[in-house]
PDB file of all heavy atoms in Angstrom:
ATOM      1  N   GLY A   1       0.811  -1.212   0.000  1.00  0.00           N
ATOM      2  CA  GLY A   1       0.000   0.000   0.000  1.00  0.00           C
ATOM      3  C   GLY A   1       0.841   1.257   0.000  1.00  0.00           C
ATOM      4  O   GLY A   1       0.533   2.233  -0.701  1.00  0.00           O
ATOM      5  N   GLU A   2       1.934   1.248   0.759  1.00  0.00           N
ATOM      6  CA  GLU A   2       2.821   2.406   0.811  1.00  0.00           C
ATOM      7  C   GLU A   2       3.534   2.603  -0.525  1.00  0.00           C
ATOM      8  O   GLU A   2       3.734   3.732  -0.966  1.00  0.00           O
ATOM      9  CB  GLU A   2       3.830   2.227   1.940  1.00  0.00           C
ATOM     10  CG  GLU A   2       3.201   2.317   3.325  1.00  0.00           C
ATOM     11  CD  GLU A   2       4.069   1.731   4.419  1.00  0.00           C
ATOM     12  OE1 GLU A   2       5.103   1.096   4.114  1.00  0.00           O
ATOM     13  OE2 GLU A   2       3.708   1.897   5.601  1.00  0.00           O
ATOM     14  N   GLN A   3       3.890   1.498  -1.188  1.00  0.00           N
ATOM     15  CA  GLN A   3       4.512   1.615  -2.508  1.00  0.00           C
ATOM     16  C   GLN A   3       3.533   2.200  -3.516  1.00  0.00           C
ATOM     17  O   GLN A   3       3.930   2.978  -4.402  1.00  0.00           O
ATOM     18  CB  GLN A   3       5.014   0.249  -2.979  1.00  0.00           C
ATOM     19  CG  GLN A   3       6.237  -0.232  -2.225  1.00  0.00           C
ATOM     20  CD  GLN A   3       6.844  -1.477  -2.832  1.00  0.00           C
ATOM     21  OE1 GLN A   3       6.520  -1.868  -3.942  1.00  0.00           O
ATOM     22  NE2 GLN A   3       7.752  -2.105  -2.097  1.00  0.00           N
ATOM     23  N   GLN A   4       2.240   1.841  -3.415  1.00  0.00           N
ATOM     24  CA  GLN A   4       1.259   2.423  -4.324  1.00  0.00           C
ATOM     25  C   GLN A   4       1.104   3.916  -4.059  1.00  0.00           C
ATOM     26  O   GLN A   4       0.998   4.717  -4.997  1.00  0.00           O
ATOM     27  CB  GLN A   4      -0.098   1.726  -4.164  1.00  0.00           C
ATOM     28  CG  GLN A   4      -1.131   2.153  -5.193  1.00  0.00           C
ATOM     29  CD  GLN A   4      -0.718   1.785  -6.598  1.00  0.00           C
ATOM     30  OE1 GLN A   4      -0.632   0.611  -6.953  1.00  0.00           O
ATOM     31  NE2 GLN A   4      -0.438   2.787  -7.432  1.00  0.00           N
ATOM     32  N   MET A   5       1.103   4.316  -2.802  1.00  0.00           N
ATOM     33  CA  MET A   5       1.073   5.737  -2.466  1.00  0.00           C
ATOM     34  C   MET A   5       2.278   6.450  -3.074  1.00  0.00           C
ATOM     35  O   MET A   5       2.156   7.552  -3.631  1.00  0.00           O
ATOM     36  CB  MET A   5       1.091   5.923  -0.937  1.00  0.00           C
ATOM     37  CG  MET A   5      -0.108   5.383  -0.213  1.00  0.00           C
ATOM     38  SD  MET A   5       0.121   5.518   1.591  1.00  0.00           S
ATOM     39  CE  MET A   5      -1.125   4.365   2.170  1.00  0.00           C
ATOM     40  N   LEU A   6       3.440   5.815  -2.983  1.00  0.00           N
ATOM     41  CA  LEU A   6       4.666   6.416  -3.501  1.00  0.00           C
ATOM     42  C   LEU A   6       4.606   6.536  -5.026  1.00  0.00           C
ATOM     43  O   LEU A   6       5.031   7.553  -5.591  1.00  0.00           O
ATOM     44  CB  LEU A   6       5.877   5.592  -3.074  1.00  0.00           C
ATOM     45  CG  LEU A   6       7.252   6.098  -3.494  1.00  0.00           C
ATOM     46  CD1 LEU A   6       7.485   7.530  -3.041  1.00  0.00           C
ATOM     47  CD2 LEU A   6       8.350   5.180  -2.929  1.00  0.00           C
ATOM     48  N   ALA A   7       4.084   5.511  -5.696  1.00  0.00           N
ATOM     49  CA  ALA A   7       3.979   5.554  -7.158  1.00  0.00           C
ATOM     50  C   ALA A   7       3.071   6.693  -7.607  1.00  0.00           C
ATOM     51  O   ALA A   7       3.375   7.410  -8.569  1.00  0.00           O
ATOM     52  CB  ALA A   7       3.464   4.221  -7.681  1.00  0.00           C
ATOM     53  N   ILE A   8       1.958   6.879  -6.905  1.00  0.00           N
ATOM     54  CA  ILE A   8       1.051   7.983  -7.252  1.00  0.00           C
ATOM     55  C   ILE A   8       1.700   9.319  -6.907  1.00  0.00           C
ATOM     56  O   ILE A   8       1.629  10.283  -7.680  1.00  0.00           O
ATOM     57  CB  ILE A   8      -0.297   7.815  -6.528  1.00  0.00           C
ATOM     58  CG1 ILE A   8      -1.025   6.572  -7.059  1.00  0.00           C
ATOM     59  CG2 ILE A   8      -1.176   9.061  -6.713  1.00  0.00           C
ATOM     60  CD1 ILE A   8      -2.288   6.225  -6.297  1.00  0.00           C
ATOM     61  N   GLY A   9       2.346   9.379  -5.745  1.00  0.00           N
ATOM     62  CA  GLY A   9       3.024  10.607  -5.349  1.00  0.00           C
ATOM     63  C   GLY A   9       4.118  10.998  -6.319  1.00  0.00           C
ATOM     64  O   GLY A   9       4.264  12.183  -6.668  1.00  0.00           O
ATOM     65  N   ARG A  10       4.874  10.034  -6.802  1.00  0.00           N
ATOM     66  CA  ARG A  10       5.935  10.311  -7.782  1.00  0.00           C
ATOM     67  C   ARG A  10       5.336  10.885  -9.069  1.00  0.00           C
ATOM     68  O   ARG A  10       5.896  11.806  -9.665  1.00  0.00           O
ATOM     69  CB  ARG A  10       6.696   9.018  -8.073  1.00  0.00           C
ATOM     70  CG  ARG A  10       7.861   9.175  -9.032  1.00  0.00           C
ATOM     71  CD  ARG A  10       8.554   7.847  -9.253  1.00  0.00           C
ATOM     72  NE  ARG A  10       7.628   6.858  -9.798  1.00  0.00           N
ATOM     73  CZ  ARG A  10       7.876   5.549  -9.849  1.00  0.00           C
ATOM     74  NH1 ARG A  10       9.015   5.070  -9.386  1.00  0.00           N
ATOM     75  NH2 ARG A  10       6.993   4.716 -10.350  1.00  0.00           N
ATOM     76  N   ALA A  11       4.178  10.347  -9.485  1.00  0.00           N
ATOM     77  CA  ALA A  11       3.506  10.874 -10.679  1.00  0.00           C
ATOM     78  C   ALA A  11       3.040  12.307 -10.458  1.00  0.00           C
ATOM     79  O   ALA A  11       3.161  13.158 -11.352  1.00  0.00           O
ATOM     80  CB  ALA A  11       2.326   9.981 -11.048  1.00  0.00           C
ATOM     81  N   ILE A  12       2.521  12.606  -9.278  1.00  0.00           N
ATOM     82  CA  ILE A  12       2.064  13.960  -8.971  1.00  0.00           C
ATOM     83  C   ILE A  12       3.219  14.954  -9.079  1.00  0.00           C
ATOM     84  O   ILE A  12       3.045  16.097  -9.510  1.00  0.00           O
ATOM     85  CB  ILE A  12       1.449  14.009  -7.558  1.00  0.00           C
ATOM     86  CG1 ILE A  12       0.126  13.239  -7.530  1.00  0.00           C
ATOM     87  CG2 ILE A  12       1.219  15.452  -7.092  1.00  0.00           C
ATOM     88  CD1 ILE A  12      -0.428  13.048  -6.133  1.00  0.00           C
ATOM     89  N   MET A  13       4.424  14.507  -8.700  1.00  0.00           N
ATOM     90  CA  MET A  13       5.588  15.392  -8.728  1.00  0.00           C
ATOM     91  C   MET A  13       5.917  15.887 -10.136  1.00  0.00           C
ATOM     92  O   MET A  13       6.587  16.907 -10.297  1.00  0.00           O
ATOM     93  CB  MET A  13       6.806  14.673  -8.144  1.00  0.00           C
ATOM     94  CG  MET A  13       6.711  14.400  -6.640  1.00  0.00           C
ATOM     95  SD  MET A  13       6.654  15.906  -5.648  1.00  0.00           S
ATOM     96  CE  MET A  13       8.265  16.605  -6.005  1.00  0.00           C
ATOM     97  N   SER A  14       5.436  15.183 -11.159  1.00  0.00           N
ATOM     98  CA  SER A  14       5.694  15.616 -12.533  1.00  0.00           C
ATOM     99  C   SER A  14       4.651  16.623 -13.017  1.00  0.00           C
ATOM    100  O   SER A  14       4.738  17.082 -14.161  1.00  0.00           O
ATOM    101  CB  SER A  14       5.710  14.405 -13.468  1.00  0.00           C
ATOM    102  OG  SER A  14       4.414  13.849 -13.578  1.00  0.00           O
ATOM    103  N   ARG A  15       3.679  16.940 -12.171  1.00  0.00           N
ATOM    104  CA  ARG A  15       2.576  17.842 -12.528  1.00  0.00           C
ATOM    105  C   ARG A  15       1.863  17.379 -13.804  1.00  0.00           C
ATOM    106  O   ARG A  15       1.859  18.060 -14.820  1.00  0.00           O
ATOM    107  CB  ARG A  15       3.067  19.278 -12.677  1.00  0.00           C
ATOM    108  CG  ARG A  15       3.427  19.913 -11.355  1.00  0.00           C
ATOM    109  CD  ARG A  15       3.509  21.418 -11.453  1.00  0.00           C
ATOM    110  NE  ARG A  15       3.741  22.022 -10.142  1.00  0.00           N
ATOM    111  CZ  ARG A  15       3.989  23.306  -9.950  1.00  0.00           C
ATOM    112  NH1 ARG A  15       4.041  24.132 -10.983  1.00  0.00           N
ATOM    113  NH2 ARG A  15       4.176  23.777  -8.734  1.00  0.00           N
ATOM    114  N   PRO A  16       1.250  16.196 -13.758  1.00  0.00           N
ATOM    115  CA  PRO A  16       0.602  15.656 -14.956  1.00  0.00           C
ATOM    116  C   PRO A  16      -0.644  16.439 -15.341  1.00  0.00           C
ATOM    117  O   PRO A  16      -1.332  17.014 -14.493  1.00  0.00           O
ATOM    118  CB  PRO A  16       0.224  14.235 -14.522  1.00  0.00           C
ATOM    119  CG  PRO A  16       0.021  14.343 -13.038  1.00  0.00           C
ATOM    120  CD  PRO A  16       1.072  15.325 -12.586  1.00  0.00           C
ATOM    121  N   LYS A  17      -0.925  16.426 -16.644  1.00  0.00           N
ATOM    122  CA  LYS A  17      -2.202  16.926 -17.141  1.00  0.00           C
ATOM    123  C   LYS A  17      -3.174  15.770 -17.341  1.00  0.00           C
ATOM    124  O   LYS A  17      -4.370  15.911 -17.141  1.00  0.00           O
ATOM    125  CB  LYS A  17      -1.998  17.679 -18.452  1.00  0.00           C
ATOM    126  CG  LYS A  17      -1.136  18.929 -18.339  1.00  0.00           C
ATOM    127  CD  LYS A  17      -1.000  19.609 -19.699  1.00  0.00           C
ATOM    128  CE  LYS A  17      -0.158  20.879 -19.590  1.00  0.00           C
ATOM    129  NZ  LYS A  17       1.260  20.567 -19.292  1.00  0.00           N
ATOM    130  N   LEU A  18      -2.624  14.612 -17.752  1.00  0.00           N
ATOM    131  CA  LEU A  18      -3.406  13.387 -17.906  1.00  0.00           C
ATOM    132  C   LEU A  18      -2.701  12.285 -17.134  1.00  0.00           C
ATOM    133  O   LEU A  18      -1.551  11.945 -17.431  1.00  0.00           O
ATOM    134  CB  LEU A  18      -3.529  13.008 -19.383  1.00  0.00           C
ATOM    135  CG  LEU A  18      -4.172  11.651 -19.681  1.00  0.00           C
ATOM    136  CD1 LEU A  18      -5.597  11.571 -19.134  1.00  0.00           C
ATOM    137  CD2 LEU A  18      -4.168  11.371 -21.185  1.00  0.00           C
ATOM    138  N   LEU A  19      -3.385  11.735 -16.139  1.00  0.00           N
ATOM    139  CA  LEU A  19      -2.815  10.696 -15.297  1.00  0.00           C
ATOM    140  C   LEU A  19      -3.447   9.361 -15.667  1.00  0.00           C
ATOM    141  O   LEU A  19      -4.665   9.197 -15.605  1.00  0.00           O
ATOM    142  CB  LEU A  19      -3.083  11.017 -13.823  1.00  0.00           C
ATOM    143  CG  LEU A  19      -2.382  10.147 -12.772  1.00  0.00           C
ATOM    144  CD1 LEU A  19      -0.871  10.227 -12.913  1.00  0.00           C
ATOM    145  CD2 LEU A  19      -2.804  10.573 -11.368  1.00  0.00           C
ATOM    146  N   LEU A  20      -2.603   8.411 -16.085  1.00  0.00           N
ATOM    147  CA  LEU A  20      -3.033   7.056 -16.409  1.00  0.00           C
ATOM    148  C   LEU A  20      -2.715   6.168 -15.219  1.00  0.00           C
ATOM    149  O   LEU A  20      -1.550   6.069 -14.818  1.00  0.00           O
ATOM    150  CB  LEU A  20      -2.302   6.543 -17.650  1.00  0.00           C
ATOM    151  CG  LEU A  20      -2.310   7.436 -18.892  1.00  0.00           C
ATOM    152  CD1 LEU A  20      -1.441   6.814 -19.985  1.00  0.00           C
ATOM    153  CD2 LEU A  20      -3.725   7.657 -19.397  1.00  0.00           C
ATOM    154  N   LEU A  21      -3.721   5.530 -14.653  1.00  0.00           N
ATOM    155  CA  LEU A  21      -3.545   4.708 -13.448  1.00  0.00           C
ATOM    156  C   LEU A  21      -3.895   3.261 -13.766  1.00  0.00           C
ATOM    157  O   LEU A  21      -5.026   2.947 -14.128  1.00  0.00           O
ATOM    158  CB  LEU A  21      -4.429   5.223 -12.318  1.00  0.00           C
ATOM    159  CG  LEU A  21      -4.126   6.650 -11.862  1.00  0.00           C
ATOM    160  CD1 LEU A  21      -5.386   7.500 -11.898  1.00  0.00           C
ATOM    161  CD2 LEU A  21      -3.531   6.655 -10.457  1.00  0.00           C
ATOM    162  N   ASP A  22      -2.893   2.371 -13.630  1.00  0.00           N
ATOM    163  CA  ASP A  22      -3.076   0.979 -14.010  1.00  0.00           C
ATOM    164  C   ASP A  22      -3.210   0.105 -12.765  1.00  0.00           C
ATOM    165  O   ASP A  22      -2.233  -0.164 -12.068  1.00  0.00           O
ATOM    166  CB  ASP A  22      -1.885   0.522 -14.854  1.00  0.00           C
ATOM    167  CG  ASP A  22      -2.148  -0.788 -15.576  1.00  0.00           C
ATOM    168  OD1 ASP A  22      -3.229  -1.381 -15.381  1.00  0.00           O
ATOM    169  OD2 ASP A  22      -1.267  -1.221 -16.348  1.00  0.00           O
ATOM    170  N   GLU A  23      -4.432  -0.313 -12.484  1.00  0.00           N
ATOM    171  CA  GLU A  23      -4.758  -1.217 -11.377  1.00  0.00           C
ATOM    172  C   GLU A  23      -4.218  -0.725 -10.027  1.00  0.00           C
ATOM    173  O   GLU A  23      -3.493  -1.448  -9.335  1.00  0.00           O
ATOM    174  CB  GLU A  23      -4.212  -2.621 -11.659  1.00  0.00           C
ATOM    175  CG  GLU A  23      -4.699  -3.242 -12.952  1.00  0.00           C
ATOM    176  CD  GLU A  23      -6.131  -3.760 -12.890  1.00  0.00           C
ATOM    177  OE1 GLU A  23      -6.813  -3.504 -11.881  1.00  0.00           O
ATOM    178  OE2 GLU A  23      -6.550  -4.405 -13.844  1.00  0.00           O
ATOM    179  N   PRO A  24      -4.559   0.491  -9.602  1.00  0.00           N
ATOM    180  CA  PRO A  24      -4.002   1.001  -8.348  1.00  0.00           C
ATOM    181  C   PRO A  24      -4.458   0.262  -7.098  1.00  0.00           C
ATOM    182  O   PRO A  24      -3.810   0.369  -6.067  1.00  0.00           O
ATOM    183  CB  PRO A  24      -4.475   2.463  -8.329  1.00  0.00           C
ATOM    184  CG  PRO A  24      -5.697   2.481  -9.177  1.00  0.00           C
ATOM    185  CD  PRO A  24      -5.428   1.487 -10.267  1.00  0.00           C
ATOM    186  N   SER A  25      -5.559  -0.493  -7.174  1.00  0.00           N
ATOM    187  CA  SER A  25      -6.045  -1.186  -5.971  1.00  0.00           C
ATOM    188  C   SER A  25      -5.540  -2.619  -5.864  1.00  0.00           C
ATOM    189  O   SER A  25      -5.823  -3.298  -4.875  1.00  0.00           O
ATOM    190  CB  SER A  25      -7.584  -1.200  -5.960  1.00  0.00           C
ATOM    191  OG  SER A  25      -8.102  -2.160  -6.865  1.00  0.00           O
ATOM    192  N   MET A  26      -4.777  -3.078  -6.843  1.00  0.00           N
ATOM    193  CA  MET A  26      -4.398  -4.496  -6.897  1.00  0.00           C
ATOM    194  C   MET A  26      -3.613  -4.937  -5.661  1.00  0.00           C
ATOM    195  O   MET A  26      -2.586  -4.365  -5.309  1.00  0.00           O
ATOM    196  CB  MET A  26      -3.559  -4.773  -8.151  1.00  0.00           C
ATOM    197  CG  MET A  26      -3.152  -6.233  -8.306  1.00  0.00           C
ATOM    198  SD  MET A  26      -2.176  -6.524  -9.793  1.00  0.00           S
ATOM    199  CE  MET A  26      -3.439  -6.327 -11.039  1.00  0.00           C
ATOM    200  N   GLY A  27      -4.120  -5.951  -4.993  1.00  0.00           N
ATOM    201  CA  GLY A  27      -3.419  -6.561  -3.872  1.00  0.00           C
ATOM    202  C   GLY A  27      -3.426  -5.765  -2.585  1.00  0.00           C
ATOM    203  O   GLY A  27      -2.680  -6.104  -1.651  1.00  0.00           O
ATOM    204  N   LEU A  28      -4.257  -4.736  -2.482  1.00  0.00           N
ATOM    205  CA  LEU A  28      -4.247  -3.877  -1.305  1.00  0.00           C
ATOM    206  C   LEU A  28      -5.421  -4.170  -0.378  1.00  0.00           C
ATOM    207  O   LEU A  28      -6.485  -4.611  -0.817  1.00  0.00           O
ATOM    208  CB  LEU A  28      -4.289  -2.400  -1.732  1.00  0.00           C
ATOM    209  CG  LEU A  28      -3.191  -1.932  -2.682  1.00  0.00           C
ATOM    210  CD1 LEU A  28      -3.314  -0.434  -2.906  1.00  0.00           C
ATOM    211  CD2 LEU A  28      -1.804  -2.278  -2.142  1.00  0.00           C
ATOM    212  N   ALA A  29      -5.216  -3.890   0.895  1.00  0.00           N
ATOM    213  CA  ALA A  29      -6.282  -4.044   1.883  1.00  0.00           C
ATOM    214  C   ALA A  29      -7.395  -3.035   1.618  1.00  0.00           C
ATOM    215  O   ALA A  29      -7.127  -1.932   1.118  1.00  0.00           O
ATOM    216  CB  ALA A  29      -5.718  -3.836   3.292  1.00  0.00           C
ATOM    217  N   PRO A  30      -8.639  -3.379   1.943  1.00  0.00           N
ATOM    218  CA  PRO A  30      -9.773  -2.488   1.650  1.00  0.00           C
ATOM    219  C   PRO A  30      -9.604  -1.076   2.179  1.00  0.00           C
ATOM    220  O   PRO A  30      -9.972  -0.109   1.499  1.00  0.00           O
ATOM    221  CB  PRO A  30     -10.960  -3.204   2.305  1.00  0.00           C
ATOM    222  CG  PRO A  30     -10.582  -4.658   2.256  1.00  0.00           C
ATOM    223  CD  PRO A  30      -9.099  -4.681   2.476  1.00  0.00           C
ATOM    224  N   ILE A  31      -9.039  -0.900   3.366  1.00  0.00           N
ATOM    225  CA  ILE A  31      -8.900   0.446   3.927  1.00  0.00           C
ATOM    226  C   ILE A  31      -7.899   1.275   3.119  1.00  0.00           C
ATOM    227  O   ILE A  31      -8.068   2.489   2.950  1.00  0.00           O
ATOM    228  CB  ILE A  31      -8.487   0.381   5.416  1.00  0.00           C
ATOM    229  CG1 ILE A  31      -8.609   1.774   6.047  1.00  0.00           C
ATOM    230  CG2 ILE A  31      -7.076  -0.195   5.590  1.00  0.00           C
ATOM    231  CD1 ILE A  31      -8.486   1.746   7.552  1.00  0.00           C
ATOM    232  N   VAL A  32      -6.869   0.607   2.579  1.00  0.00           N
ATOM    233  CA  VAL A  32      -5.891   1.311   1.738  1.00  0.00           C
ATOM    234  C   VAL A  32      -6.504   1.635   0.378  1.00  0.00           C
ATOM    235  O   VAL A  32      -6.282   2.716  -0.173  1.00  0.00           O
ATOM    236  CB  VAL A  32      -4.610   0.471   1.577  1.00  0.00           C
ATOM    237  CG1 VAL A  32      -3.599   1.201   0.696  1.00  0.00           C
ATOM    238  CG2 VAL A  32      -4.007   0.159   2.938  1.00  0.00           C
ATOM    239  N   VAL A  33      -7.293   0.703  -0.154  1.00  0.00           N
ATOM    240  CA  VAL A  33      -7.983   0.948  -1.423  1.00  0.00           C
ATOM    241  C   VAL A  33      -8.869   2.183  -1.315  1.00  0.00           C
ATOM    242  O   VAL A  33      -8.889   3.034  -2.202  1.00  0.00           O
ATOM    243  CB  VAL A  33      -8.820  -0.281  -1.836  1.00  0.00           C
ATOM    244  CG1 VAL A  33      -9.705   0.050  -3.041  1.00  0.00           C
ATOM    245  CG2 VAL A  33      -7.908  -1.459  -2.156  1.00  0.00           C
ATOM    246  N   GLN A  34      -9.581   2.288  -0.206  1.00  0.00           N
ATOM    247  CA  GLN A  34     -10.458   3.451  -0.006  1.00  0.00           C
ATOM    248  C   GLN A  34      -9.652   4.747  -0.021  1.00  0.00           C
ATOM    249  O   GLN A  34     -10.044   5.737  -0.651  1.00  0.00           O
ATOM    250  CB  GLN A  34     -11.216   3.318   1.310  1.00  0.00           C
ATOM    251  CG  GLN A  34     -12.176   4.474   1.570  1.00  0.00           C
ATOM    252  CD  GLN A  34     -12.948   4.289   2.875  1.00  0.00           C
ATOM    253  OE1 GLN A  34     -12.944   3.216   3.475  1.00  0.00           O
ATOM    254  NE2 GLN A  34     -13.604   5.350   3.321  1.00  0.00           N
ATOM    255  N   LEU A  35      -8.495   4.742   0.659  1.00  0.00           N
ATOM    256  CA  LEU A  35      -7.640   5.927   0.681  1.00  0.00           C
ATOM    257  C   LEU A  35      -7.136   6.268  -0.719  1.00  0.00           C
ATOM    258  O   LEU A  35      -7.166   7.431  -1.137  1.00  0.00           O
ATOM    259  CB  LEU A  35      -6.457   5.699   1.621  1.00  0.00           C
ATOM    260  CG  LEU A  35      -5.343   6.763   1.574  1.00  0.00           C
ATOM    261  CD1 LEU A  35      -5.873   8.125   2.002  1.00  0.00           C
ATOM    262  CD2 LEU A  35      -4.159   6.349   2.432  1.00  0.00           C
TER     263      LEU A  35
END
């Protein structure tokens, strides 16, 4: 879950205009998926 947060955070650092997200909930606990 923390690695998924980091992957999204790293993408945000590039200031995207279009963000492509590939299976961000895969293998994560429900509470992390909600976040």
